[in-house]
Amino acid sequence: MAYFLKGEGIIEGNVEEALTVYFKQCSIEGTAKTISTLGKFLANDGVLSNGERIITTRMAKIIKTLMVTCGMYDSSGEFAVKVGIPSKSGVGGGICSVVPGKMGIGVYGPALDKKGNSLAGGYLLAIYLKNFL
């Protein structure tokens, strides 16, 4: 696939180096707490809890928009209607969600649905947010 993408001009440079970077990014260890910290960072429009701005407000808005529109793979539209907040799942079973201006939520459940999203995580978010927001 990577060599096909290179042939189409989508990947530039050395394919093996690009794959090494990609695989390392896919192997970052995290917990529900670290996932929620990332969500909180986005909820605060790109500002860390110590007040340091890392990305612009505009960039944070773009990231959250992408999370809503495609962060849950082929379930993004349904998830946006059911849960209603920017979220991004990973095939490892984690979901990072953002309640803008309020909090980040990190959930983890390794069992995935047919579209690659955490079964328990999605259920938990739908139930929790229904009662919370």
Protein backbone atom coordinates (compact mmCIF):
# COMPACT_ATOMS: atom_id res chain seq x y z
CA MET A 1 0.00 0.00 0.00
CA ALA A 2 2.79 2.42 0.90
CA TYR A 3 4.59 1.80 -2.39
CA PHE A 4 1.30 2.34 -4.24
CA LEU A 5 0.86 5.66 -2.40
CA LYS A 6 4.42 6.63 -3.34
CA GLY A 7 3.70 5.75 -6.97
CA GLU A 8 0.65 8.01 -6.85
CA GLY A 9 2.76 10.87 -5.45
CA ILE A 10 1.04 10.87 -2.05
CA ILE A 11 4.10 9.73 -0.10
CA GLU A 12 7.35 11.54 -0.80
CA GLY A 13 10.79 10.33 0.18
CA ASN A 14 11.81 6.92 1.45
CA VAL A 15 8.89 4.51 1.91
CA GLU A 16 10.63 2.44 4.60
CA GLU A 17 11.35 5.56 6.67
CA ALA A 18 7.74 6.71 6.32
CA LEU A 19 6.51 3.29 7.46
CA THR A 20 8.87 3.30 10.44
CA VAL A 21 7.46 6.66 11.60
CA TYR A 22 3.88 5.42 11.02
CA PHE A 23 4.43 2.19 12.98
CA LYS A 24 6.02 4.09 15.87
CA GLN A 25 3.02 6.45 16.00
CA CYS A 26 0.70 3.43 16.06
CA SER A 27 2.65 1.95 18.98
CA ILE A 28 2.49 4.80 21.46
CA GLU A 29 1.51 3.50 24.87
CA GLY A 30 -1.34 5.27 26.58
CA THR A 31 -4.00 4.93 29.24
CA ALA A 32 -7.53 6.26 29.59
CA LYS A 33 -6.00 9.02 31.73
CA THR A 34 -3.48 10.07 29.07
CA ILE A 35 -6.21 9.92 26.42
CA SER A 36 -8.42 12.18 28.56
CA THR A 37 -5.50 14.61 29.01
CA LEU A 38 -5.27 14.93 25.23
CA GLY A 39 -9.03 15.55 25.13
CA LYS A 40 -8.72 18.23 27.82
CA PHE A 41 -5.99 19.93 25.78
CA LEU A 42 -8.37 20.12 22.82
CA ALA A 43 -11.29 21.17 25.06
CA ASN A 44 -9.07 24.09 26.13
CA ASP A 45 -8.51 25.03 22.47
CA GLY A 46 -4.87 23.98 22.35
CA VAL A 47 -3.76 25.20 25.78
CA LEU A 48 -2.11 22.88 28.32
CA SER A 49 -3.29 22.82 31.94
CA ASN A 50 -0.23 24.94 32.88
CA GLY A 51 -1.45 27.71 30.54
CA GLU A 52 1.03 27.07 27.73
CA ARG A 53 -0.48 27.39 24.26
CA ILE A 54 0.74 24.58 21.99
CA ILE A 55 -1.49 25.06 18.92
CA THR A 56 -3.70 27.91 17.74
CA THR A 57 -7.39 28.04 18.58
CA ARG A 58 -8.09 27.69 14.85
CA MET A 59 -6.01 24.50 14.64
CA ALA A 60 -7.80 23.03 17.68
CA LYS A 61 -11.14 23.83 16.02
CA ILE A 62 -10.05 22.08 12.81
CA ILE A 63 -8.90 19.01 14.77
CA LYS A 64 -12.21 18.81 16.66
CA THR A 65 -14.14 19.19 13.40
CA LEU A 66 -12.19 16.32 11.87
CA MET A 67 -12.89 14.26 14.98
CA VAL A 68 -16.64 14.79 14.51
CA THR A 69 -16.66 14.14 10.78
CA CYS A 70 -14.31 11.16 10.53
CA GLY A 71 -12.83 10.31 13.95
CA MET A 72 -14.98 7.23 14.43
CA TYR A 73 -14.24 5.68 11.02
CA ASP A 74 -17.41 4.68 9.13
CA SER A 75 -19.53 5.24 12.26
CA SER A 76 -18.69 8.95 12.53
CA GLY A 77 -22.09 10.26 11.45
CA GLU A 78 -24.06 7.88 13.65
CA PHE A 79 -21.73 8.55 16.58
CA ALA A 80 -22.09 12.32 16.13
CA VAL A 81 -25.87 12.00 16.31
CA LYS A 82 -25.84 9.57 19.28
CA VAL A 83 -23.04 11.05 21.36
CA GLY A 84 -22.67 14.54 19.91
CA ILE A 85 -19.09 15.45 20.82
CA PRO A 86 -15.79 15.33 18.92
CA SER A 87 -14.26 11.87 19.35
CA LYS A 88 -11.44 9.82 17.86
CA SER A 89 -11.14 6.09 18.23
CA GLY A 90 -8.12 3.91 17.74
CA VAL A 91 -8.00 0.29 16.70
CA GLY A 92 -6.38 -0.50 20.05
CA GLY A 93 -9.75 0.18 21.73
CA GLY A 94 -9.23 3.70 23.03
CA ILE A 95 -11.52 6.65 22.40
CA CYS A 96 -10.57 10.28 23.02
CA SER A 97 -13.57 12.59 23.37
CA VAL A 98 -13.81 16.34 23.87
CA VAL A 99 -16.50 18.37 25.61
CA PRO A 100 -15.42 21.80 24.29
CA GLY A 101 -14.63 24.28 27.02
CA LYS A 102 -15.24 21.69 29.75
CA MET A 103 -13.29 18.43 29.70
CA GLY A 104 -11.58 15.61 27.91
CA ILE A 105 -12.77 12.02 28.26
CA GLY A 106 -10.64 8.95 27.69
CA VAL A 107 -12.14 5.46 27.56
CA TYR A 108 -10.69 2.09 26.72
CA GLY A 109 -12.30 -1.21 25.82
CA PRO A 110 -10.40 -3.67 23.59
CA ALA A 111 -13.43 -5.37 21.98
CA LEU A 112 -14.16 -3.62 18.68
CA ASP A 113 -17.30 -3.41 16.58
CA LYS A 114 -17.35 -4.18 12.84
CA LYS A 115 -16.21 -0.66 12.04
CA GLY A 116 -13.17 -0.72 14.35
CA ASN A 117 -14.48 1.23 17.35
CA SER A 118 -14.55 0.17 20.99
CA LEU A 119 -17.90 -1.46 21.80
CA ALA A 120 -17.82 -0.72 25.52
CA GLY A 121 -16.25 2.71 25.03
CA GLY A 122 -18.93 3.87 22.61
CA TYR A 123 -21.69 2.52 24.83
CA LEU A 124 -20.20 4.16 27.92
CA LEU A 125 -19.91 7.54 26.19
CA ALA A 126 -23.48 7.40 24.88
CA ILE A 127 -24.91 6.53 28.30
CA TYR A 128 -22.66 8.82 30.34
CA LEU A 129 -23.14 11.89 28.18
CA LYS A 130 -26.89 11.36 27.93
CA ASN A 131 -27.03 11.71 31.74
CA PHE A 132 -24.30 14.34 32.05
CA LEU A 133 -24.94 16.93 29.37
